[in-house]
Protein backbone atom coordinates (compact mmCIF):
# COMPACT_ATOMS: atom_id res chain seq x y z
CA UNK A 1 -22.84 -6.78 -29.45
CA UNK A 2 -23.91 -9.95 -27.61
CA UNK A 3 -22.73 -11.39 -24.26
CA UNK A 4 -24.07 -14.46 -22.45
CA UNK A 5 -22.72 -15.48 -19.03
CA UNK A 6 -23.85 -15.81 -15.38
CA UNK A 7 -24.61 -13.14 -12.81
CA UNK A 8 -21.74 -14.34 -10.57
CA UNK A 9 -19.15 -13.98 -13.33
CA UNK A 10 -20.45 -10.61 -14.52
CA UNK A 11 -20.66 -9.23 -10.99
CA UNK A 12 -17.05 -10.20 -10.23
CA UNK A 13 -15.82 -8.53 -13.43
CA UNK A 14 -17.83 -5.36 -12.82
CA UNK A 15 -16.66 -5.08 -9.20
CA UNK A 16 -13.03 -5.31 -10.33
CA UNK A 17 -13.13 -3.12 -13.44
CA UNK A 18 -15.64 -0.74 -11.85
CA UNK A 19 -13.19 0.30 -9.12
CA UNK A 20 -11.71 2.76 -11.61
CA UNK A 21 -14.96 4.22 -12.90
CA UNK A 22 -16.31 7.50 -11.57
CA UNK A 23 -19.67 7.46 -9.78
CA UNK A 24 -20.42 10.92 -11.17
CA UNK A 25 -18.44 12.29 -14.09
CA UNK A 26 -18.82 15.25 -16.43
CA UNK A 27 -17.65 12.88 -19.19
CA UNK A 28 -20.20 10.00 -19.23
CA UNK A 29 -17.78 7.47 -20.67
CA UNK A 30 -15.70 7.65 -17.45
CA UNK A 31 -18.70 6.25 -15.56
CA UNK A 32 -18.88 3.35 -17.99
CA UNK A 33 -17.12 0.07 -18.59
CA UNK A 34 -16.18 -1.20 -22.03
CA UNK A 35 -17.36 -4.64 -23.11
CA UNK A 36 -14.90 -5.86 -25.72
CA UNK A 37 -15.81 -9.43 -26.67
CA UNK A 38 -15.16 -11.37 -23.42
CA UNK A 39 -13.30 -8.53 -21.69
CA UNK A 40 -14.66 -5.91 -19.29
CA UNK A 41 -12.50 -2.76 -19.14
CA UNK A 42 -12.56 0.20 -16.73
CA UNK A 43 -10.39 3.30 -16.60
CA UNK A 44 -9.80 6.55 -14.72
CA UNK A 45 -7.54 7.89 -17.54
CA UNK A 46 -4.38 7.12 -15.52
CA UNK A 47 -4.96 3.41 -14.96
CA UNK A 48 -6.87 0.82 -16.95
CA UNK A 49 -7.95 -2.65 -15.83
CA UNK A 50 -9.18 -5.38 -18.14
CA UNK A 51 -10.92 -8.52 -16.83
CA UNK A 52 -11.40 -11.60 -19.04
CA UNK A 53 -14.60 -13.48 -18.28
CA UNK A 54 -15.84 -16.97 -19.23
CA UNK A 55 -18.87 -16.62 -21.50
CA UNK A 56 -21.05 -18.85 -23.62
CA UNK A 57 -21.14 -16.11 -26.21
CA UNK A 58 -19.13 -12.90 -26.41
CA UNK A 59 -18.90 -10.79 -29.53
CA UNK A 60 -18.77 -7.07 -30.19
CA UNK A 61 -17.98 -3.85 -28.32
CA UNK A 62 -20.08 -1.37 -26.35
CA UNK A 63 -19.82 0.96 -23.30
CA UNK A 64 -22.44 0.62 -20.56
CA UNK A 65 -22.99 2.47 -17.23
CA UNK A 66 -20.96 0.54 -14.64
CA UNK A 67 -22.80 1.49 -11.44
CA UNK A 68 -26.31 0.89 -12.82
CA UNK A 69 -25.35 -2.45 -14.31
CA UNK A 70 -23.67 -3.65 -11.11
CA UNK A 71 -26.64 -2.58 -8.97
CA UNK A 72 -28.96 -4.76 -11.03
CA UNK A 73 -26.63 -7.75 -11.12
CA UNK A 74 -26.17 -7.67 -7.31
CA UNK A 75 -29.87 -8.42 -6.89
CA UNK A 76 -29.81 -11.54 -9.04
CA UNK A 77 -29.08 -15.09 -7.98
CA UNK A 78 -25.36 -15.84 -8.60
CA UNK A 79 -26.23 -18.75 -10.93
CA UNK A 80 -28.75 -16.74 -12.95
CA UNK A 81 -28.07 -16.72 -16.68
CA UNK A 82 -27.80 -13.16 -18.01
CA UNK A 83 -27.35 -11.72 -21.46
CA UNK A 84 -26.47 -8.29 -22.75
CA UNK A 85 -27.38 -7.24 -26.27
CA UNK A 86 -26.62 -3.87 -27.83
CA UNK A 87 -28.03 -2.41 -31.02
CA UNK A 88 -28.16 0.98 -32.68
CA UNK A 89 -30.44 2.61 -30.10
CA UNK A 90 -29.28 1.16 -26.78
CA UNK A 91 -28.57 -2.01 -24.84
CA UNK A 92 -30.68 -4.59 -23.06
CA UNK A 93 -29.82 -6.68 -20.00
CA UNK A 94 -31.99 -9.80 -19.89
CA UNK A 95 -32.49 -12.63 -17.38
CA UNK A 96 -35.21 -15.17 -16.64
CA UNK A 97 -37.52 -12.78 -14.76
CA UNK A 98 -36.99 -9.50 -16.54
CA UNK A 99 -35.37 -7.11 -18.96
CA UNK A 100 -33.71 -3.73 -18.44
CA UNK A 101 -33.13 -1.27 -21.26
CA UNK A 102 -29.94 0.74 -20.69
CA UNK A 103 -28.22 3.66 -22.39
CA UNK A 104 -25.02 2.93 -24.28
CA UNK A 105 -21.99 4.85 -25.48
CA UNK A 106 -20.08 4.13 -28.65
CA UNK A 107 -17.07 1.92 -27.85
CA UNK A 108 -14.91 4.16 -30.04
CA UNK A 109 -15.28 6.90 -27.41
CA UNK A 110 -13.72 4.78 -24.63
CA UNK A 111 -10.25 6.19 -23.77
CA UNK A 112 -8.03 3.10 -23.95
CA UNK A 113 -4.63 3.76 -22.39
CA UNK A 114 -1.44 3.69 -24.47
CA UNK A 115 -2.95 1.83 -27.40
CA UNK A 116 0.09 2.34 -29.62
CA UNK A 117 2.75 1.83 -26.94
CA UNK A 118 5.41 -0.81 -27.44
CA UNK A 119 5.98 -2.81 -24.27
CA UNK A 120 9.17 -4.59 -23.32
CA UNK A 121 8.81 -7.42 -20.81
CA UNK A 122 11.04 -7.10 -17.73
CA UNK A 123 12.25 -10.10 -15.81
CA UNK A 124 10.58 -10.25 -12.40
CA UNK A 125 9.38 -12.79 -9.88
CA UNK A 126 5.69 -11.91 -9.65
CA UNK A 127 5.08 -13.29 -6.16
CA UNK A 128 8.15 -11.59 -4.69
CA UNK A 129 7.32 -8.31 -6.43
CA UNK A 130 3.78 -8.30 -5.07
CA UNK A 131 4.97 -9.22 -1.55
CA UNK A 132 7.46 -6.32 -1.55
CA UNK A 133 4.87 -3.84 -2.85
CA UNK A 134 2.33 -4.98 -0.27
CA UNK A 135 4.78 -4.29 2.56
CA UNK A 136 5.80 -0.76 1.48
CA UNK A 137 2.61 0.63 -0.08
CA UNK A 138 1.14 1.95 3.24
CA UNK A 139 4.17 4.24 3.66
CA UNK A 140 3.69 6.16 0.38
CA UNK A 141 2.77 9.83 0.58
CA UNK A 142 -0.69 11.11 -0.32
CA UNK A 143 0.29 14.79 -0.41
CA UNK A 144 0.48 16.26 -3.89
CA UNK A 145 3.25 18.77 -3.13
CA UNK A 146 5.89 16.09 -3.68
CA UNK A 147 4.13 14.06 -6.36
CA UNK A 148 7.13 11.77 -6.90
CA UNK A 149 6.49 10.29 -3.43
CA UNK A 150 2.87 9.37 -4.29
CA UNK A 151 3.70 5.79 -5.14
CA UNK A 152 5.91 2.74 -4.84
CA UNK A 153 9.39 2.87 -6.35
CA UNK A 154 10.86 -0.36 -7.76
CA UNK A 155 14.57 0.23 -7.27
CA UNK A 156 17.49 -2.05 -8.10
CA UNK A 157 17.19 -4.30 -5.04
CA UNK A 158 14.15 -3.04 -3.13
CA UNK A 159 10.60 -1.78 -3.32
CA UNK A 160 10.47 1.56 -1.47
CA UNK A 161 7.79 4.03 -0.41
CA UNK A 162 7.98 7.08 1.86
CA UNK A 163 6.01 10.13 2.94
CA UNK A 164 9.10 11.97 4.14
CA UNK A 165 8.48 11.03 7.80
CA UNK A 166 8.64 7.26 7.55
CA UNK A 167 9.77 4.83 4.92
CA UNK A 168 9.13 1.18 4.09
CA UNK A 169 11.81 -0.85 2.34
CA UNK A 170 11.45 -4.47 1.27
CA UNK A 171 13.97 -6.55 -0.69
CA UNK A 172 12.72 -7.67 -4.10
CA UNK A 173 14.55 -10.97 -4.06
CA UNK A 174 15.53 -10.48 -7.70
CA UNK A 175 17.39 -7.90 -9.80
CA UNK A 176 15.04 -4.97 -10.31
CA UNK A 177 17.43 -2.89 -12.39
CA UNK A 178 15.32 -3.28 -15.53
CA UNK A 179 12.51 -1.31 -13.88
CA UNK A 180 14.73 1.81 -14.03
CA UNK A 181 13.36 2.97 -10.63
CA UNK A 182 9.79 3.06 -11.94
CA UNK A 183 7.30 4.76 -9.58
CA UNK A 184 3.87 3.08 -9.53
CA UNK A 185 1.20 5.54 -8.44
CA UNK A 186 -0.74 4.71 -5.27
CA UNK A 187 -4.13 3.91 -6.85
CA UNK A 188 -2.56 1.54 -9.36
CA UNK A 189 -0.39 -0.13 -6.71
CA UNK A 190 -3.40 -0.94 -4.52
CA UNK A 191 -5.30 -2.21 -7.55
CA UNK A 192 -2.40 -4.53 -8.39
CA UNK A 193 -2.32 -5.83 -4.82
CA UNK A 194 -5.99 -6.90 -5.07
CA UNK A 195 -5.21 -9.16 -8.03
CA UNK A 196 -3.14 -12.36 -8.27
CA UNK A 197 0.63 -12.13 -8.65
CA UNK A 198 1.63 -11.01 -12.16
CA UNK A 199 2.70 -13.56 -14.74
CA UNK A 200 4.48 -10.84 -16.69
CA UNK A 201 5.32 -7.15 -16.33
CA UNK A 202 6.09 -4.87 -19.24
CA UNK A 203 7.29 -1.28 -19.57
CA UNK A 204 6.71 1.05 -22.47
CA UNK A 205 9.66 2.26 -24.49
CA UNK A 206 9.66 5.62 -22.68
CA UNK A 207 9.33 3.88 -19.28
CA UNK A 208 6.17 5.87 -18.45
CA UNK A 209 3.54 3.13 -18.76
CA UNK A 210 3.50 -0.28 -17.04
CA UNK A 211 1.60 -3.35 -18.20
CA UNK A 212 0.83 -5.85 -15.40
CA UNK A 213 -0.69 -9.16 -16.55
CA UNK A 214 -2.03 -11.84 -14.21
CA UNK A 215 -4.51 -14.69 -14.36
CA UNK A 216 -7.76 -13.43 -15.88
CA UNK A 217 -6.90 -9.74 -15.75
CA UNK A 218 -4.39 -7.07 -16.71
CA UNK A 219 -3.62 -3.56 -15.51
CA UNK A 220 -2.08 -0.85 -17.64
CA UNK A 221 -1.07 2.30 -15.77
CA UNK A 222 0.82 5.52 -16.24
CA UNK A 223 3.91 5.71 -14.07
CA UNK A 224 4.83 8.83 -12.11
CA UNK A 225 7.07 10.96 -14.28
CA UNK A 226 9.62 11.98 -11.68
CA UNK A 227 12.80 10.98 -9.88
CA UNK A 228 12.57 9.09 -6.60
CA UNK A 229 15.07 10.45 -4.03
CA UNK A 230 18.19 8.53 -2.99
CA UNK A 231 16.59 6.81 -0.02
CA UNK A 232 19.77 4.99 1.00
CA UNK A 233 21.32 8.22 2.33
CA UNK A 234 19.04 8.34 5.38
CA UNK A 235 19.23 4.67 6.38
CA UNK A 236 21.59 4.15 9.34
CA UNK A 237 24.20 1.46 8.89
CA UNK A 238 22.94 -1.77 10.39
CA UNK A 239 26.38 -2.79 11.59
CA UNK A 240 28.48 -3.11 14.73
CA UNK A 241 29.19 0.64 14.77
CA UNK A 242 25.51 1.53 15.29
CA UNK A 243 23.31 1.35 18.36
CA UNK A 244 21.27 -1.84 18.31
CA UNK A 245 18.53 -3.08 20.62
CA UNK A 246 16.29 -6.14 20.41
CA UNK A 247 12.83 -6.37 21.94
CA UNK A 248 9.60 -8.32 21.74
CA UNK A 249 7.40 -6.73 19.09
CA UNK A 250 4.08 -7.42 20.81
CA UNK A 251 5.10 -5.69 24.05
CA UNK A 252 6.15 -2.41 22.44
CA UNK A 253 3.24 -2.53 19.97
CA UNK A 254 0.72 -2.80 22.82
CA UNK A 255 2.32 0.14 24.63
CA UNK A 256 2.33 2.29 21.46
CA UNK A 257 -1.31 1.46 20.75
CA UNK A 258 -2.38 2.33 24.29
CA UNK A 259 -0.57 5.66 24.17
CA UNK A 260 -1.86 6.55 20.69
CA UNK A 261 -5.44 5.90 21.84
CA UNK A 262 -5.32 8.89 24.23
CA UNK A 263 -6.80 12.03 22.59
CA UNK A 264 -4.27 14.82 22.14
CA UNK A 265 -1.21 12.55 22.17
CA UNK A 266 1.03 12.85 19.14
CA UNK A 267 4.65 12.32 20.13
CA UNK A 268 6.27 9.77 22.39
CA UNK A 269 9.77 9.77 23.82
CA UNK A 270 11.62 6.48 23.53
CA UNK A 271 14.74 6.05 25.63
CA UNK A 272 16.61 2.87 26.47
CA UNK A 273 19.52 1.52 28.44
CA UNK A 274 20.85 -2.02 28.51
CA UNK A 275 17.68 -3.46 30.09
CA UNK A 276 14.55 -1.48 29.19
CA UNK A 277 12.84 0.88 26.76
CA UNK A 278 11.05 3.73 28.52
CA UNK A 279 8.12 5.50 26.84
CA UNK A 280 6.92 8.92 28.01
CA UNK A 281 4.28 11.23 26.62
CA UNK A 282 1.82 13.87 27.75
CA UNK A 283 -1.29 15.77 26.72
CA UNK A 284 -1.08 19.07 28.55
CA UNK A 285 -4.58 20.26 27.75
CA UNK A 286 -6.04 17.17 29.45
CA UNK A 287 -3.40 17.03 32.19
CA UNK A 288 -2.46 13.47 31.15
CA UNK A 289 1.05 12.15 31.71
CA UNK A 290 2.07 8.69 30.49
CA UNK A 291 5.00 6.49 31.38
CA UNK A 292 5.49 2.88 30.32
CA UNK A 293 8.42 0.55 30.01
CA UNK A 294 9.20 -2.57 27.97
CA UNK A 295 12.00 -5.05 28.75
CA UNK A 296 14.79 -5.51 26.22
CA UNK A 297 16.22 -8.78 25.02
CA UNK A 298 19.59 -7.12 24.44
CA UNK A 299 21.14 -3.70 23.80
CA UNK A 300 24.59 -2.58 22.65
CA UNK A 301 24.35 1.03 23.86
CA UNK A 302 21.85 3.54 25.28
CA UNK A 303 19.90 5.69 22.85
CA UNK A 304 16.57 7.29 22.11
CA UNK A 305 14.58 10.02 20.37
CA UNK A 306 11.03 11.33 20.06
CA UNK A 307 8.67 9.96 17.42
CA UNK A 308 5.08 10.18 16.26
CA UNK A 309 3.47 7.45 18.37
CA UNK A 310 1.03 6.46 15.61
CA UNK A 311 3.94 5.92 13.24
CA UNK A 312 5.56 3.66 15.84
CA UNK A 313 2.35 1.64 16.25
CA UNK A 314 1.80 1.27 12.51
CA UNK A 315 5.41 0.29 11.94
CA UNK A 316 5.23 -2.48 14.55
CA UNK A 317 1.87 -3.58 13.15
CA UNK A 318 3.45 -3.96 9.70
CA UNK A 319 6.38 -6.06 10.92
CA UNK A 320 5.53 -9.68 11.72
CA UNK A 321 8.53 -11.20 13.52
CA UNK A 322 8.22 -11.87 17.25
CA UNK A 323 11.59 -10.21 18.01
CA UNK A 324 12.51 -6.90 16.39
CA UNK A 325 15.94 -5.32 15.95
CA UNK A 326 16.10 -1.53 16.25
CA UNK A 327 19.10 0.36 14.82
CA UNK A 328 20.15 3.96 15.41
CA UNK A 329 23.33 5.77 14.35
CA UNK A 330 23.35 7.90 17.53
CA UNK A 331 20.90 9.39 20.02
CA UNK A 332 18.26 11.61 18.40
CA UNK A 333 18.78 10.07 14.93
CA UNK A 334 16.21 8.16 12.81
CA UNK A 335 15.55 4.54 13.76
CA UNK A 336 15.25 1.45 11.57
CA UNK A 337 13.28 -1.57 12.75
CA UNK A 338 13.32 -4.98 11.13
CA UNK A 339 12.46 -8.56 11.98
CA UNK A 340 13.76 -11.44 9.91
CA UNK A 341 16.41 -10.56 7.34
CA UNK A 342 14.10 -11.75 4.56
CA UNK A 343 11.42 -9.33 5.78
CA UNK A 344 11.25 -5.66 4.96
CA UNK A 345 12.20 -2.91 7.35
CA UNK A 346 10.84 0.49 8.33
CA UNK A 347 12.57 3.80 9.00
CA UNK A 348 10.99 6.56 11.10
CA UNK A 349 12.31 10.11 11.27
CA UNK A 350 12.45 11.73 14.73
CA UNK A 351 10.32 14.68 15.70
CA UNK A 352 11.19 17.66 17.90
CA UNK A 353 11.81 16.46 21.43
CA UNK A 354 9.54 17.55 24.25
CA UNK A 355 11.85 18.37 27.18
CA UNK A 356 9.33 17.18 29.78
CA UNK A 357 8.80 13.85 28.02
CA UNK A 358 12.56 13.36 27.61
CA UNK A 359 13.09 14.06 31.32
CA UNK A 360 10.26 11.68 32.26
CA UNK A 361 11.70 8.87 30.16
CA UNK A 362 15.16 9.36 31.69
CA UNK A 363 13.68 9.44 35.20
CA UNK A 364 11.81 6.20 34.52
CA UNK A 365 15.02 4.49 33.41
CA UNK A 366 16.71 5.70 36.62
CA UNK A 367 13.87 4.29 38.73
CA UNK A 368 14.13 0.93 36.96
CA UNK A 369 17.89 0.81 37.52
CA UNK A 370 17.46 1.56 41.24
CA UNK A 371 14.80 -1.13 41.50
CA UNK A 372 17.13 -3.69 39.91
CA UNK A 373 19.90 -2.77 42.36
CA UNK A 374 17.56 -3.20 45.34
CA UNK A 375 16.48 -6.59 44.03
CA UNK A 376 20.10 -7.64 43.49
CA UNK A 377 20.99 -6.59 47.06
């Protein structure tokens, strides 16, 4: 095996492919990357990434320790010419000022994923698919009890992810029916988001492996073998029959961030009338009581519920529009927030109401109403 390239090119490939390699593994090959001609391949057995590198010479196959190799390359000048040669006994990394002899593993031992799988290309707009995945990925669950929520689902019209308490939904902008509601596991989804938009996406015949190809790299990953729940059942109708309020995103985001910064605070009561949103929360052990209010742009009816304040802050941090529409079927129900219609939206489930916080929010709204009457008089 012989490879000749530059330190900059090799470092970039190792940093990308090496994200999947284990730092310490009982199976040594899982701490290694595969050099296959001008490709560098890494795997964690569930996901495999292959990076194609420019090289003056690239021929042969060998597995080398990823972490050791990257550590050496990081300490070389980016424009340094490097070469890797592998023989029967081991491998050698050479550059102008030195030579490192490294252990090698037979390339035949590298566990390539789905070598014999037949992939069918699905029609997809790569940029729109990546944009939708990027929006919803933070809302996927990380708990293993409901493994089918540990990823991003590509449904017919939307990319969707949820942890059971909150849910991100973003329109695909194209027909996603051919994906058959594929669920991309979290680690693979975040790996895909680090790479350019895909030029093509393929699914194996059994719909359990996805092949994601982009400029200079490709990812092959096992999909989650499970059924994503019918998420549409919990989304309130965003229509004239529902409660709707509009507010400035920055104002409510700042309030939510301030409240969530107080130790011991978990829930916040949101309540609104036609003019204002009142926020109330408390941390009994520290004898802290919080009340804030945010003006509304418009409201069709009063409403409210209690929510995890960190979920509220993260939701508003994910949305980008200056003005946000909030929808609720009735008081105490889940809320949906969205900005522009082309943007995704987020649903948050309510939590058990704290009677004191609910009373404080209602009292604050009463005070604000009385203050408006005095000003009007």
